C-alpha atoms as a PDB file:
ATOM      1  CA  MET A   1      27.911  90.616 -82.897  1.00  0.00           C
ATOM      2  CA  THR A   2      30.931  89.447 -84.827  1.00  0.00           C
ATOM      3  CA  GLY A   3      34.016  91.158 -86.179  1.00  0.00           C
ATOM      4  CA  SER A   4      32.502  94.588 -86.749  1.00  0.00           C
ATOM      5  CA  LEU A   5      34.846  96.710 -84.663  1.00  0.00           C
ATOM      6  CA  ALA A   6      37.956  96.550 -86.824  1.00  0.00           C
ATOM      7  CA  PRO A   7      38.961 100.102 -87.742  1.00  0.00           C
ATOM      8  CA  GLY A   8      38.406 100.666 -91.440  1.00  0.00           C
ATOM      9  CA  LEU A   9      35.351  98.420 -91.712  1.00  0.00           C
ATOM     10  CA  ALA A  10      32.360 100.440 -92.903  1.00  0.00           C
ATOM     11  CA  GLY A  11      28.867  99.125 -92.343  1.00  0.00           C
ATOM     12  CA  VAL A  12      26.124 100.288 -94.717  1.00  0.00           C
ATOM     13  CA  ASP A  13      22.341 100.046 -94.476  1.00  0.00           C
ATOM     14  CA  GLU A  14      19.294 101.878 -95.783  1.00  0.00           C
ATOM     15  CA  ALA A  15      15.845 103.007 -94.729  1.00  0.00           C
ATOM     16  CA  GLY A  16      12.835 103.793 -96.867  1.00  0.00           C
ATOM     17  CA  ARG A  17      12.659 101.335 -99.753  1.00  0.00           C
ATOM     18  CA  GLY A  18       8.959 100.646 -99.290  1.00  0.00           C
ATOM     19  CA  PRO A  19       7.284 104.046 -98.750  1.00  0.00           C
ATOM     20  CA  LEU A  20       5.277 105.845-101.429  1.00  0.00           C
ATOM     21  CA  ALA A  21       6.911 109.214-100.708  1.00  0.00           C
ATOM     22  CA  GLY A  22      10.180 110.764 -99.673  1.00  0.00           C
ATOM     23  CA  PRO A  23      13.768 109.684-100.280  1.00  0.00           C
ATOM     24  CA  VAL A  24      15.525 106.423 -99.668  1.00  0.00           C
ATOM     25  CA  VAL A  25      18.240 107.090 -97.094  1.00  0.00           C
ATOM     26  CA  ALA A  26      21.485 105.187 -96.551  1.00  0.00           C
ATOM     27  CA  ALA A  27      24.073 105.480 -93.809  1.00  0.00           C
ATOM     28  CA  ALA A  28      27.682 104.345 -93.635  1.00  0.00           C
ATOM     29  CA  VAL A  29      29.421 103.946 -90.285  1.00  0.00           C
ATOM     30  CA  ILE A  30      32.958 103.083 -89.208  1.00  0.00           C
ATOM     31  CA  LEU A  31      33.160 102.166 -85.533  1.00  0.00           C
ATOM     32  CA  GLY A  32      36.339 102.234 -83.494  1.00  0.00           C
ATOM     33  CA  SER A  33      37.592  99.106 -81.733  1.00  0.00           C
ATOM     34  CA  GLY A  34      36.539 100.534 -78.380  1.00  0.00           C
ATOM     35  CA  PHE A  35      32.955 101.306 -79.330  1.00  0.00           C
ATOM     36  CA  GLN A  36      30.413  99.887 -76.907  1.00  0.00           C
ATOM     37  CA  TYR A  37      26.671 100.374 -76.811  1.00  0.00           C
ATOM     38  CA  GLU A  38      24.451  97.867 -75.076  1.00  0.00           C
ATOM     39  CA  GLY A  39      21.467  96.805 -77.137  1.00  0.00           C
ATOM     40  CA  LEU A  40      22.723  97.961 -80.538  1.00  0.00           C
ATOM     41  CA  ALA A  41      20.577  96.145 -83.061  1.00  0.00           C
ATOM     42  CA  ASP A  42      18.643  96.485 -86.277  1.00  0.00           C
ATOM     43  CA  SER A  43      16.804  99.800 -85.991  1.00  0.00           C
ATOM     44  CA  LYS A  44      13.425  98.148 -86.600  1.00  0.00           C
ATOM     45  CA  LYS A  45      13.859  96.163 -83.367  1.00  0.00           C
ATOM     46  CA  LEU A  46      14.554  99.216 -81.217  1.00  0.00           C
ATOM     47  CA  SER A  47      11.972 101.514 -79.695  1.00  0.00           C
ATOM     48  CA  LYS A  48      11.919 105.103 -80.897  1.00  0.00           C
ATOM     49  CA  ARG A  49      13.562 106.238 -77.662  1.00  0.00           C
ATOM     50  CA  LYS A  50      16.301 103.594 -77.922  1.00  0.00           C
ATOM     51  CA  ARG A  51      16.944 104.522 -81.553  1.00  0.00           C
ATOM     52  CA  GLU A  52      17.320 108.171 -80.644  1.00  0.00           C
ATOM     53  CA  GLU A  53      19.732 107.297 -77.829  1.00  0.00           C
ATOM     54  CA  ALA A  54      21.760 105.004 -80.075  1.00  0.00           C
ATOM     55  CA  ASN A  55      21.778 107.618 -82.827  1.00  0.00           C
ATOM     56  CA  LEU A  56      23.365 110.185 -80.508  1.00  0.00           C
ATOM     57  CA  GLU A  57      25.960 107.719 -79.208  1.00  0.00           C
ATOM     58  CA  ILE A  58      26.929 106.518 -82.685  1.00  0.00           C
ATOM     59  CA  ARG A  59      27.318 110.059 -84.039  1.00  0.00           C
ATOM     60  CA  LYS A  60      29.432 110.962 -81.019  1.00  0.00           C
ATOM     61  CA  GLU A  61      31.667 107.888 -80.802  1.00  0.00           C
ATOM     62  CA  ALA A  62      32.033 106.499 -84.334  1.00  0.00           C
ATOM     63  CA  LEU A  63      35.315 107.043 -86.170  1.00  0.00           C
ATOM     64  CA  ALA A  64      33.232 108.283 -89.108  1.00  0.00           C
ATOM     65  CA  TRP A  65      29.636 108.294 -90.290  1.00  0.00           C
ATOM     66  CA  SER A  66      27.831 109.673 -93.308  1.00  0.00           C
ATOM     67  CA  ILE A  67      24.313 109.895 -94.717  1.00  0.00           C
ATOM     68  CA  GLY A  68      23.387 109.559 -98.393  1.00  0.00           C
ATOM     69  CA  LEU A  69      19.993 110.189-100.010  1.00  0.00           C
ATOM     70  CA  ALA A  70      18.320 109.414-103.289  1.00  0.00           C
ATOM     71  CA  SER A  71      15.261 111.556-103.917  1.00  0.00           C
ATOM     72  CA  ALA A  72      11.791 110.484-104.986  1.00  0.00           C
ATOM     73  CA  THR A  73      12.618 111.912-108.425  1.00  0.00           C
ATOM     74  CA  GLU A  74      15.723 109.714-108.649  1.00  0.00           C
ATOM     75  CA  ILE A  75      13.707 106.706-107.514  1.00  0.00           C
ATOM     76  CA  ASP A  76      11.277 107.344-110.368  1.00  0.00           C
ATOM     77  CA  GLN A  77      14.115 107.893-112.821  1.00  0.00           C
ATOM     78  CA  PHE A  78      16.264 104.869-111.957  1.00  0.00           C
ATOM     79  CA  ASN A  79      13.930 102.521-109.942  1.00  0.00           C
ATOM     80  CA  ILE A  80      14.079 101.868-106.196  1.00  0.00           C
ATOM     81  CA  HIS A  81      16.848  99.257-106.414  1.00  0.00           C
ATOM     82  CA  MET A  82      19.247 101.506-108.305  1.00  0.00           C
ATOM     83  CA  ALA A  83      18.308 104.541-106.198  1.00  0.00           C
ATOM     84  CA  THR A  84      19.126 102.571-103.040  1.00  0.00           C
ATOM     85  CA  LEU A  85      22.577 101.740-104.405  1.00  0.00           C
ATOM     86  CA  ILE A  86      23.057 105.414-105.338  1.00  0.00           C
ATOM     87  CA  ALA A  87      22.199 106.478-101.775  1.00  0.00           C
ATOM     88  CA  MET A  88      24.581 103.864-100.374  1.00  0.00           C
ATOM     89  CA  ARG A  89      27.384 104.999-102.653  1.00  0.00           C
ATOM     90  CA  ARG A  90      26.845 108.617-101.601  1.00  0.00           C
ATOM     91  CA  ALA A  91      26.940 107.614 -97.938  1.00  0.00           C
ATOM     92  CA  VAL A  92      30.230 105.711 -98.285  1.00  0.00           C
ATOM     93  CA  LEU A  93      31.870 108.414-100.394  1.00  0.00           C
ATOM     94  CA  GLY A  94      30.878 110.957 -97.753  1.00  0.00           C
ATOM     95  CA  LEU A  95      32.918 109.272 -95.013  1.00  0.00           C
ATOM     96  CA  THR A  96      35.763 111.384 -93.669  1.00  0.00           C
ATOM     97  CA  PHE A  97      37.736 108.254 -92.721  1.00  0.00           C
ATOM     98  CA  GLU A  98      38.626 106.098 -95.727  1.00  0.00           C
ATOM     99  CA  PRO A  99      37.273 102.558 -95.332  1.00  0.00           C
ATOM    100  CA  GLU A 100      39.385  99.489 -95.968  1.00  0.00           C
ATOM    101  CA  ARG A 101      36.385  97.283 -96.700  1.00  0.00           C
ATOM    102  CA  ILE A 102      32.618  97.554 -96.664  1.00  0.00           C
ATOM    103  CA  ILE A 103      29.770  95.335 -95.539  1.00  0.00           C
ATOM    104  CA  VAL A 104      26.320  96.139 -96.927  1.00  0.00           C
ATOM    105  CA  ASP A 105      23.082  94.802 -95.497  1.00  0.00           C
ATOM    106  CA  GLY A 106      21.300  93.039 -98.374  1.00  0.00           C
ATOM    107  CA  LYS A 107      22.147  91.202-101.580  1.00  0.00           C
ATOM    108  CA  PHE A 108      23.839  93.936-103.610  1.00  0.00           C
ATOM    109  CA  THR A 109      26.639  96.443-103.168  1.00  0.00           C
ATOM    110  CA  PRO A 110      27.040  99.820-104.835  1.00  0.00           C
ATOM    111  CA  ARG A 111      29.959 100.473-107.183  1.00  0.00           C
ATOM    112  CA  LEU A 112      32.840 101.560-104.950  1.00  0.00           C
ATOM    113  CA  PRO A 113      36.642 101.687-105.089  1.00  0.00           C
ATOM    114  CA  TRP A 114      36.973  99.438-102.008  1.00  0.00           C
ATOM    115  CA  ALA A 115      36.296  95.757-101.385  1.00  0.00           C
ATOM    116  CA  SER A 116      32.595  95.363-100.650  1.00  0.00           C
ATOM    117  CA  THR A 117      30.515  92.444 -99.415  1.00  0.00           C
ATOM    118  CA  ALA A 118      26.727  92.146 -99.498  1.00  0.00           C
ATOM    119  CA  ARG A 119      25.319  90.125 -96.623  1.00  0.00           C
ATOM    120  CA  PRO A 120      21.595  89.690 -95.946  1.00  0.00           C
ATOM    121  CA  ARG A 121      20.682  90.413 -92.325  1.00  0.00           C
ATOM    122  CA  ALA A 122      24.109  91.883 -91.630  1.00  0.00           C
ATOM    123  CA  ASP A 123      22.325  94.424 -89.423  1.00  0.00           C
ATOM    124  CA  ALA A 124      21.752  91.561 -86.961  1.00  0.00           C
ATOM    125  CA  THR A 125      25.374  90.352 -86.887  1.00  0.00           C
ATOM    126  CA  GLU A 126      27.639  93.322 -87.612  1.00  0.00           C
ATOM    127  CA  ALA A 127      27.742  96.241 -85.190  1.00  0.00           C
ATOM    128  CA  SER A 128      28.758  98.752 -87.852  1.00  0.00           C
ATOM    129  CA  VAL A 129      25.823  97.743 -90.052  1.00  0.00           C
ATOM    130  CA  SER A 130      23.450  97.921 -87.082  1.00  0.00           C
ATOM    131  CA  ALA A 131      24.769 101.399 -86.382  1.00  0.00           C
ATOM    132  CA  ALA A 132      24.163 102.376 -90.014  1.00  0.00           C
ATOM    133  CA  SER A 133      20.638 101.002 -89.758  1.00  0.00           C
ATOM    134  CA  VAL A 134      19.946 103.220 -86.757  1.00  0.00           C
ATOM    135  CA  LEU A 135      21.368 106.368 -88.354  1.00  0.00           C
ATOM    136  CA  ALA A 136      19.480 105.842 -91.610  1.00  0.00           C
ATOM    137  CA  LYS A 137      16.172 105.198 -89.846  1.00  0.00           C
ATOM    138  CA  VAL A 138      16.433 108.156 -87.471  1.00  0.00           C
ATOM    139  CA  PHE A 139      17.525 110.532 -90.240  1.00  0.00           C
ATOM    140  CA  ARG A 140      14.691 109.471 -92.540  1.00  0.00           C
ATOM    141  CA  ASP A 141      12.048 109.693 -89.813  1.00  0.00           C
ATOM    142  CA  ARG A 142      13.156 113.241 -89.044  1.00  0.00           C
ATOM    143  CA  TYR A 143      13.184 114.084 -92.749  1.00  0.00           C
ATOM    144  CA  MET A 144       9.600 112.882 -93.088  1.00  0.00           C
ATOM    145  CA  HIS A 145       8.566 114.985 -90.075  1.00  0.00           C
ATOM    146  CA  GLU A 146       9.928 118.013 -91.945  1.00  0.00           C
ATOM    147  CA  LEU A 147       7.961 117.033 -95.063  1.00  0.00           C
ATOM    148  CA  ASP A 148       4.889 116.736 -92.835  1.00  0.00           C
ATOM    149  CA  LYS A 149       5.191 120.465 -92.106  1.00  0.00           C
ATOM    150  CA  GLN A 150       5.164 121.225 -95.840  1.00  0.00           C
ATOM    151  CA  PHE A 151       2.450 118.731 -96.762  1.00  0.00           C
ATOM    152  CA  PRO A 152       0.366 118.240 -93.588  1.00  0.00           C
ATOM    153  CA  GLU A 153      -2.585 116.758 -95.449  1.00  0.00           C
ATOM    154  CA  TYR A 154      -0.747 113.451 -96.059  1.00  0.00           C
ATOM    155  CA  GLY A 155       0.259 112.627 -92.474  1.00  0.00           C
ATOM    156  CA  PHE A 156       3.931 111.958 -93.251  1.00  0.00           C
ATOM    157  CA  GLY A 157       4.876 112.506 -89.630  1.00  0.00           C
ATOM    158  CA  GLN A 158       2.633 109.609 -88.643  1.00  0.00           C
ATOM    159  CA  HIS A 159       3.349 106.953 -91.282  1.00  0.00           C
ATOM    160  CA  LYS A 160       6.643 108.219 -92.787  1.00  0.00           C
ATOM    161  CA  GLY A 161       5.292 107.746 -96.303  1.00  0.00           C
ATOM    162  CA  TYR A 162       4.417 104.063 -96.006  1.00  0.00           C
ATOM    163  CA  PRO A 163       1.166 102.887 -97.636  1.00  0.00           C
ATOM    164  CA  THR A 164      -1.072 102.958 -94.565  1.00  0.00           C
ATOM    165  CA  ARG A 165      -4.824 103.398 -94.825  1.00  0.00           C
ATOM    166  CA  VAL A 166      -4.498 107.049 -93.760  1.00  0.00           C
ATOM    167  CA  HIS A 167      -1.902 107.715 -96.442  1.00  0.00           C
ATOM    168  CA  LEU A 168      -3.817 105.937 -99.204  1.00  0.00           C
ATOM    169  CA  GLU A 169      -6.987 107.838 -98.327  1.00  0.00           C
ATOM    170  CA  ALA A 170      -5.065 111.135 -98.426  1.00  0.00           C
ATOM    171  CA  LEU A 171      -3.624 110.191-101.825  1.00  0.00           C
ATOM    172  CA  GLU A 172      -7.096 109.457-103.132  1.00  0.00           C
ATOM    173  CA  HIS A 173      -8.463 112.728-101.800  1.00  0.00           C
ATOM    174  CA  PHE A 174      -5.608 115.137-102.572  1.00  0.00           C
ATOM    175  CA  GLY A 175      -3.675 113.358-105.303  1.00  0.00           C
ATOM    176  CA  PRO A 176       0.109 112.994-105.142  1.00  0.00           C
ATOM    177  CA  SER A 177       2.516 115.721-104.059  1.00  0.00           C
ATOM    178  CA  ILE A 178       5.898 116.527-105.577  1.00  0.00           C
ATOM    179  CA  VAL A 179       7.598 114.281-102.986  1.00  0.00           C
ATOM    180  CA  HIS A 180       5.641 111.162-103.923  1.00  0.00           C
ATOM    181  CA  ARG A 181       7.140 108.330-105.953  1.00  0.00           C
ATOM    182  CA  PHE A 182       5.189 108.307-109.196  1.00  0.00           C
ATOM    183  CA  SER A 183       6.694 104.991-110.295  1.00  0.00           C
ATOM    184  CA  PHE A 184       4.921 103.245-107.397  1.00  0.00           C
ATOM    185  CA  ARG A 185       1.501 101.918-108.387  1.00  0.00           C
ATOM    186  CA  PRO A 186      -0.681 103.502-105.646  1.00  0.00           C
ATOM    187  CA  VAL A 187       0.753 106.901-106.558  1.00  0.00           C
ATOM    188  CA  ARG A 188       0.201 106.375-110.290  1.00  0.00           C
ATOM    189  CA  GLU A 189      -3.381 105.364-109.598  1.00  0.00           C
ATOM    190  CA  ALA A 190      -3.897 108.500-107.506  1.00  0.00           C
ATOM    191  CA  LEU A 191      -2.939 110.675-110.474  1.00  0.00           C
ATOM    192  CA  ARG A 192      -6.550 110.390-111.562  1.00  0.00           C
ATOM    193  CA  THR A 193      -7.333 112.685-108.605  1.00  0.00           C
ATOM    194  CA  PRO A 194      -6.359 116.349-109.085  1.00  0.00           C
ATOM    195  CA  GLY A 195      -3.425 116.966-106.781  1.00  0.00           C
ATOM    196  CA  ARG A 196      -0.836 119.551-105.878  1.00  0.00           C
ATOM    197  CA  LEU A 197       2.019 119.082-108.327  1.00  0.00           C
END
């Protein structure tokens, strides 16, 4: 990976743009110049065990890290693109170490008071962005496991809110819950089924 270990460089990535339920989660991470973790990569390419290990190491060794969320209600209010930028902005503003510049995985950057660059696939080339990818993914997976305890009928712990067959069948049978994204078409269509609102 290239040039990601300069102090003051914050990497930003998100998890949860595609699901039908739950928040979109962003993480911002500033790694120190001495940070080393073999196999750090885009969270989607790591096994669950490797992600959990990396998550612990990043939280322990990073100069600063922060998590930002945008709720399902905010996603419905603003749309998923804007809600993702809101979550990213919250993550960066939550850092306890002020960044000098920011690299965001993707094509857009949130409005911030520091120089920001959007770079598609930055999670594959920038260690700080890869670290943010891991933190966002692990945090969101755990969040969805907690929602699974509140709404066990939907299977959130299994599919994390993504539109799997199990989830779509649960939506059809039970209707949407208060943590579903009503602006997403499968959820709107499920409104015809009486649900728990």
